[in-house]
């Protein structure tokens, strides 16, 4: 099973279970920037009245959904992992938090075609804001590389006022400034 097939199966399971979602992480930066390989796909999900088991019920045979959620330190949220017996790829479902930016980026998500299939993804601005925040908290170079990639490809079309507002709140303005200086013009 390819990673794209795996991801599409999970998107369809979320839709059937009526679980609102958005793709985040490196796959969302791939939509707006220079694609890079990744070993997983990250989704933010809003479960409301839907138990996690409803998603498992919608997945076909061979899928393994951890029934126990775990705490993820970089994002500060709870997550579940989905695996398939025929793939090393995995999908992480992050429970939407009460964080104001997490809520706002979920409301701003967009439906795009990803590998020919319609999926909800975070906006380019929210990818930049979140990756800067994660880089500050987790000191992960790949997050800054993803920001640089999005700025290189989509920088002219970004809502900079929105980005600067959230960077001021998250205290990531200096990181953004440094990354912008490294983007080719």
Foldseek 3Di string as FASTA:
>chain_A
DDQVVVVVLLQVLCVVLVKQKAWADLVLLVVQFPHDDDQETEMEIEQVPNQPVSSVVSHDPQKDKPNDWDADQLQRFIWIKIDGNVGSHIYIYTYQDPPPLSVVQSVVWDWDQDVRDTGTHGDLLSNLLSLLLSCVRPVDVVSLVSNLRNCQRPVVPDPVVVNVVSCVVSVSVVVVVVSVVVRDD
